[in-house]
Amino acid sequence: MALLVGSVLNLINQGDAILGPAEISWAHVALNFFVPFCVSSYSAARKGSPRFQCNK
């Protein structure tokens, strides 16, 4: 999922650098993949943790 979201974010944030003459910011490229990965990992860990589950 992070690959898909990161790719879309890179196209949105750096479309003119990827498709045009502007320079690519490699730090932003890395962050565009790293942030969705962290969010999805945190969500998965939180869902799987018995500490955060509701007891019904």
PDB file of N, CA and C in Angstrom:
ATOM      1  N   MET A   1       0.821  -1.185   0.000  1.00  0.00           N
ATOM      2  CA  MET A   1       0.000   0.000   0.000  1.00  0.00           C
ATOM      3  C   MET A   1       0.873   1.259   0.000  1.00  0.00           C
ATOM      4  N   ALA A   2       1.969   1.200   0.756  1.00  0.00           N
ATOM      5  CA  ALA A   2       2.859   2.363   0.826  1.00  0.00           C
ATOM      6  C   ALA A   2       3.475   2.671  -0.537  1.00  0.00           C
ATOM      7  N   LEU A   3       3.714   1.640  -1.338  1.00  0.00           N
ATOM      8  CA  LEU A   3       4.253   1.879  -2.691  1.00  0.00           C
ATOM      9  C   LEU A   3       3.259   2.635  -3.561  1.00  0.00           C
ATOM     10  N   LEU A   4       2.015   2.250  -3.489  1.00  0.00           N
ATOM     11  CA  LEU A   4       0.986   2.915  -4.283  1.00  0.00           C
ATOM     12  C   LEU A   4       0.787   4.354  -3.820  1.00  0.00           C
ATOM     13  N   VAL A   5       0.614   4.549  -2.519  1.00  0.00           N
ATOM     14  CA  VAL A   5       0.393   5.889  -1.987  1.00  0.00           C
ATOM     15  C   VAL A   5       1.627   6.766  -2.202  1.00  0.00           C
ATOM     16  N   GLY A   6       2.814   6.205  -1.977  1.00  0.00           N
ATOM     17  CA  GLY A   6       4.051   6.959  -2.188  1.00  0.00           C
ATOM     18  C   GLY A   6       4.232   7.383  -3.632  1.00  0.00           C
ATOM     19  N   SER A   7       3.879   6.515  -4.557  1.00  0.00           N
ATOM     20  CA  SER A   7       3.985   6.859  -5.982  1.00  0.00           C
ATOM     21  C   SER A   7       3.038   7.991  -6.359  1.00  0.00           C
ATOM     22  N   VAL A   8       1.814   7.911  -5.856  1.00  0.00           N
ATOM     23  CA  VAL A   8       0.846   8.974  -6.130  1.00  0.00           C
ATOM     24  C   VAL A   8       1.307  10.289  -5.510  1.00  0.00           C
ATOM     25  N   LEU A   9       1.789  10.234  -4.277  1.00  0.00           N
ATOM     26  CA  LEU A   9       2.283  11.447  -3.623  1.00  0.00           C
ATOM     27  C   LEU A   9       3.465  12.055  -4.375  1.00  0.00           C
ATOM     28  N   ASN A  10       4.347  11.215  -4.877  1.00  0.00           N
ATOM     29  CA  ASN A  10       5.479  11.734  -5.647  1.00  0.00           C
ATOM     30  C   ASN A  10       5.022  12.404  -6.935  1.00  0.00           C
ATOM     31  N   LEU A  11       4.050  11.826  -7.599  1.00  0.00           N
ATOM     32  CA  LEU A  11       3.532  12.463  -8.809  1.00  0.00           C
ATOM     33  C   LEU A  11       2.866  13.794  -8.505  1.00  0.00           C
ATOM     34  N   ILE A  12       2.147  13.855  -7.397  1.00  0.00           N
ATOM     35  CA  ILE A  12       1.484  15.105  -7.021  1.00  0.00           C
ATOM     36  C   ILE A  12       2.499  16.154  -6.590  1.00  0.00           C
ATOM     37  N   ASN A  13       3.400  15.777  -5.699  1.00  0.00           N
ATOM     38  CA  ASN A  13       4.328  16.735  -5.108  1.00  0.00           C
ATOM     39  C   ASN A  13       5.490  17.118  -6.015  1.00  0.00           C
ATOM     40  N   GLN A  14       5.904  16.209  -6.891  1.00  0.00           N
ATOM     41  CA  GLN A  14       7.072  16.477  -7.712  1.00  0.00           C
ATOM     42  C   GLN A  14       6.821  16.172  -9.181  1.00  0.00           C
ATOM     43  N   GLY A  15       5.606  16.359  -9.608  1.00  0.00           N
ATOM     44  CA  GLY A  15       5.261  16.076 -10.997  1.00  0.00           C
ATOM     45  C   GLY A  15       6.085  16.859 -11.993  1.00  0.00           C
ATOM     46  N   ASP A  16       6.309  18.149 -11.718  1.00  0.00           N
ATOM     47  CA  ASP A  16       7.106  18.954 -12.647  1.00  0.00           C
ATOM     48  C   ASP A  16       8.573  18.537 -12.621  1.00  0.00           C
ATOM     49  N   ALA A  17       9.058  17.986 -11.534  1.00  0.00           N
ATOM     50  CA  ALA A  17      10.439  17.509 -11.493  1.00  0.00           C
ATOM     51  C   ALA A  17      10.570  16.170 -12.220  1.00  0.00           C
ATOM     52  N   ILE A  18       9.549  15.329 -12.102  1.00  0.00           N
ATOM     53  CA  ILE A  18       9.595  14.019 -12.754  1.00  0.00           C
ATOM     54  C   ILE A  18       9.353  14.153 -14.258  1.00  0.00           C
ATOM     55  N   LEU A  19       8.412  15.004 -14.625  1.00  0.00           N
ATOM     56  CA  LEU A  19       8.026  15.138 -16.030  1.00  0.00           C
ATOM     57  C   LEU A  19       8.643  16.341 -16.726  1.00  0.00           C
ATOM     58  N   GLY A  20       9.360  17.182 -15.988  1.00  0.00           N
ATOM     59  CA  GLY A  20       9.877  18.412 -16.577  1.00  0.00           C
ATOM     60  C   GLY A  20      11.313  18.691 -16.191  1.00  0.00           C
ATOM     61  N   PRO A  21      11.693  19.957 -16.304  1.00  0.00           N
ATOM     62  CA  PRO A  21      13.094  20.324 -16.114  1.00  0.00           C
ATOM     63  C   PRO A  21      13.514  20.570 -14.662  1.00  0.00           C
ATOM     64  N   ALA A  22      12.598  20.577 -13.715  1.00  0.00           N
ATOM     65  CA  ALA A  22      12.946  20.867 -12.322  1.00  0.00           C
ATOM     66  C   ALA A  22      13.751  19.714 -11.719  1.00  0.00           C
ATOM     67  N   GLU A  23      14.491  20.011 -10.641  1.00  0.00           N
ATOM     68  CA  GLU A  23      15.294  18.987  -9.977  1.00  0.00           C
ATOM     69  C   GLU A  23      14.445  18.195  -8.987  1.00  0.00           C
ATOM     70  N   ILE A  24      14.751  16.915  -8.876  1.00  0.00           N
ATOM     71  CA  ILE A  24      14.048  16.038  -7.948  1.00  0.00           C
ATOM     72  C   ILE A  24      14.676  16.176  -6.563  1.00  0.00           C
ATOM     73  N   SER A  25      13.843  16.341  -5.559  1.00  0.00           N
ATOM     74  CA  SER A  25      14.296  16.364  -4.169  1.00  0.00           C
ATOM     75  C   SER A  25      14.226  14.937  -3.630  1.00  0.00           C
ATOM     76  N   TRP A  26      15.378  14.302  -3.503  1.00  0.00           N
ATOM     77  CA  TRP A  26      15.404  12.899  -3.098  1.00  0.00           C
ATOM     78  C   TRP A  26      14.960  12.705  -1.655  1.00  0.00           C
ATOM     79  N   ALA A  27      15.153  13.717  -0.821  1.00  0.00           N
ATOM     80  CA  ALA A  27      14.660  13.632   0.557  1.00  0.00           C
ATOM     81  C   ALA A  27      13.132  13.569   0.569  1.00  0.00           C
ATOM     82  N   HIS A  28      12.496  14.368  -0.297  1.00  0.00           N
ATOM     83  CA  HIS A  28      11.030  14.334  -0.380  1.00  0.00           C
ATOM     84  C   HIS A  28      10.535  13.021  -0.982  1.00  0.00           C
ATOM     85  N   VAL A  29      11.262  12.484  -1.916  1.00  0.00           N
ATOM     86  CA  VAL A  29      10.896  11.184  -2.490  1.00  0.00           C
ATOM     87  C   VAL A  29      10.880  10.127  -1.386  1.00  0.00           C
ATOM     88  N   ALA A  30      11.934  10.114  -0.583  1.00  0.00           N
ATOM     89  CA  ALA A  30      12.017   9.136   0.511  1.00  0.00           C
ATOM     90  C   ALA A  30      10.875   9.329   1.510  1.00  0.00           C
ATOM     91  N   LEU A  31      10.592  10.577   1.865  1.00  0.00           N
ATOM     92  CA  LEU A  31       9.516  10.841   2.824  1.00  0.00           C
ATOM     93  C   LEU A  31       8.146  10.463   2.268  1.00  0.00           C
ATOM     94  N   ASN A  32       7.956  10.634   0.962  1.00  0.00           N
ATOM     95  CA  ASN A  32       6.673  10.276   0.351  1.00  0.00           C
ATOM     96  C   ASN A  32       6.398   8.784   0.425  1.00  0.00           C
ATOM     97  N   PHE A  33       7.424   7.962   0.550  1.00  0.00           N
ATOM     98  CA  PHE A  33       7.229   6.528   0.740  1.00  0.00           C
ATOM     99  C   PHE A  33       7.271   6.141   2.212  1.00  0.00           C
ATOM    100  N   PHE A  34       8.110   6.816   2.992  1.00  0.00           N
ATOM    101  CA  PHE A  34       8.306   6.456   4.393  1.00  0.00           C
ATOM    102  C   PHE A  34       7.092   6.785   5.256  1.00  0.00           C
ATOM    103  N   VAL A  35       6.482   7.929   5.049  1.00  0.00           N
ATOM    104  CA  VAL A  35       5.341   8.342   5.881  1.00  0.00           C
ATOM    105  C   VAL A  35       4.148   7.392   5.718  1.00  0.00           C
ATOM    106  N   PRO A  36       3.709   7.053   4.496  1.00  0.00           N
ATOM    107  CA  PRO A  36       2.596   6.080   4.393  1.00  0.00           C
ATOM    108  C   PRO A  36       2.952   4.711   4.985  1.00  0.00           C
ATOM    109  N   PHE A  37       4.211   4.308   4.861  1.00  0.00           N
ATOM    110  CA  PHE A  37       4.645   3.044   5.457  1.00  0.00           C
ATOM    111  C   PHE A  37       4.495   3.092   6.975  1.00  0.00           C
ATOM    112  N   CYS A  38       4.925   4.200   7.584  1.00  0.00           N
ATOM    113  CA  CYS A  38       4.812   4.345   9.043  1.00  0.00           C
ATOM    114  C   CYS A  38       3.360   4.363   9.494  1.00  0.00           C
ATOM    115  N   VAL A  39       2.519   5.068   8.760  1.00  0.00           N
ATOM    116  CA  VAL A  39       1.098   5.148   9.124  1.00  0.00           C
ATOM    117  C   VAL A  39       0.438   3.773   9.022  1.00  0.00           C
ATOM    118  N   SER A  40       0.699   3.048   7.950  1.00  0.00           N
ATOM    119  CA  SER A  40       0.067   1.735   7.803  1.00  0.00           C
ATOM    120  C   SER A  40       0.629   0.740   8.810  1.00  0.00           C
ATOM    121  N   SER A  41       1.918   0.826   9.121  1.00  0.00           N
ATOM    122  CA  SER A  41       2.506  -0.065  10.127  1.00  0.00           C
ATOM    123  C   SER A  41       1.923   0.212  11.506  1.00  0.00           C
ATOM    124  N   TYR A  42       1.792   1.489  11.841  1.00  0.00           N
ATOM    125  CA  TYR A  42       1.207   1.862  13.134  1.00  0.00           C
ATOM    126  C   TYR A  42      -0.245   1.389  13.225  1.00  0.00           C
ATOM    127  N   SER A  43      -0.998   1.574  12.153  1.00  0.00           N
ATOM    128  CA  SER A  43      -2.400   1.149  12.147  1.00  0.00           C
ATOM    129  C   SER A  43      -2.523  -0.354  12.324  1.00  0.00           C
ATOM    130  N   ALA A  44      -1.674  -1.102  11.629  1.00  0.00           N
ATOM    131  CA  ALA A  44      -1.714  -2.559  11.738  1.00  0.00           C
ATOM    132  C   ALA A  44      -1.317  -3.017  13.135  1.00  0.00           C
ATOM    133  N   ALA A  45      -0.307  -2.380  13.701  1.00  0.00           N
ATOM    134  CA  ALA A  45       0.135  -2.756  15.047  1.00  0.00           C
ATOM    135  C   ALA A  45      -0.934  -2.420  16.080  1.00  0.00           C
ATOM    136  N   ARG A  46      -1.555  -1.277  15.907  1.00  0.00           N
ATOM    137  CA  ARG A  46      -2.590  -0.861  16.859  1.00  0.00           C
ATOM    138  C   ARG A  46      -3.811  -1.787  16.772  1.00  0.00           C
ATOM    139  N   LYS A  47      -4.179  -2.187  15.566  1.00  0.00           N
ATOM    140  CA  LYS A  47      -5.330  -3.076  15.397  1.00  0.00           C
ATOM    141  C   LYS A  47      -5.032  -4.462  15.973  1.00  0.00           C
ATOM    142  N   GLY A  48      -3.812  -4.920  15.819  1.00  0.00           N
ATOM    143  CA  GLY A  48      -3.459  -6.266  16.274  1.00  0.00           C
ATOM    144  C   GLY A  48      -3.144  -6.345  17.751  1.00  0.00           C
ATOM    145  N   SER A  49      -2.963  -5.236  18.409  1.00  0.00           N
ATOM    146  CA  SER A  49      -2.605  -5.237  19.824  1.00  0.00           C
ATOM    147  C   SER A  49      -3.832  -5.462  20.706  1.00  0.00           C
ATOM    148  N   PRO A  50      -3.785  -6.439  21.601  1.00  0.00           N
ATOM    149  CA  PRO A  50      -4.946  -6.667  22.479  1.00  0.00           C
ATOM    150  C   PRO A  50      -5.168  -5.498  23.446  1.00  0.00           C
ATOM    151  N   ARG A  51      -4.173  -4.698  23.670  1.00  0.00           N
ATOM    152  CA  ARG A  51      -4.282  -3.552  24.576  1.00  0.00           C
ATOM    153  C   ARG A  51      -5.287  -2.524  24.056  1.00  0.00           C
ATOM    154  N   PHE A  52      -5.427  -2.416  22.736  1.00  0.00           N
ATOM    155  CA  PHE A  52      -6.285  -1.400  22.145  1.00  0.00           C
ATOM    156  C   PHE A  52      -7.629  -1.940  21.678  1.00  0.00           C
ATOM    157  N   GLN A  53      -7.886  -3.224  21.863  1.00  0.00           N
ATOM    158  CA  GLN A  53      -9.136  -3.798  21.391  1.00  0.00           C
ATOM    159  C   GLN A  53     -10.224  -3.652  22.434  1.00  0.00           C
ATOM    160  N   CYS A  54     -11.434  -3.505  21.955  1.00  0.00           N
ATOM    161  CA  CYS A  54     -12.593  -3.376  22.856  1.00  0.00           C
ATOM    162  C   CYS A  54     -12.998  -4.754  23.367  1.00  0.00           C
ATOM    163  N   ASN A  55     -13.310  -4.833  24.610  1.00  0.00           N
ATOM    164  CA  ASN A  55     -13.805  -6.084  25.204  1.00  0.00           C
ATOM    165  C   ASN A  55     -15.323  -6.029  25.256  1.00  0.00           C
ATOM    166  N   LYS A  56     -15.964  -6.880  24.493  1.00  0.00           N
ATOM    167  CA  LYS A  56     -17.423  -6.895  24.460  1.00  0.00           C
ATOM    168  C   LYS A  56     -17.946  -8.162  25.065  1.00  0.00           C
TER     169      LYS A  56
END
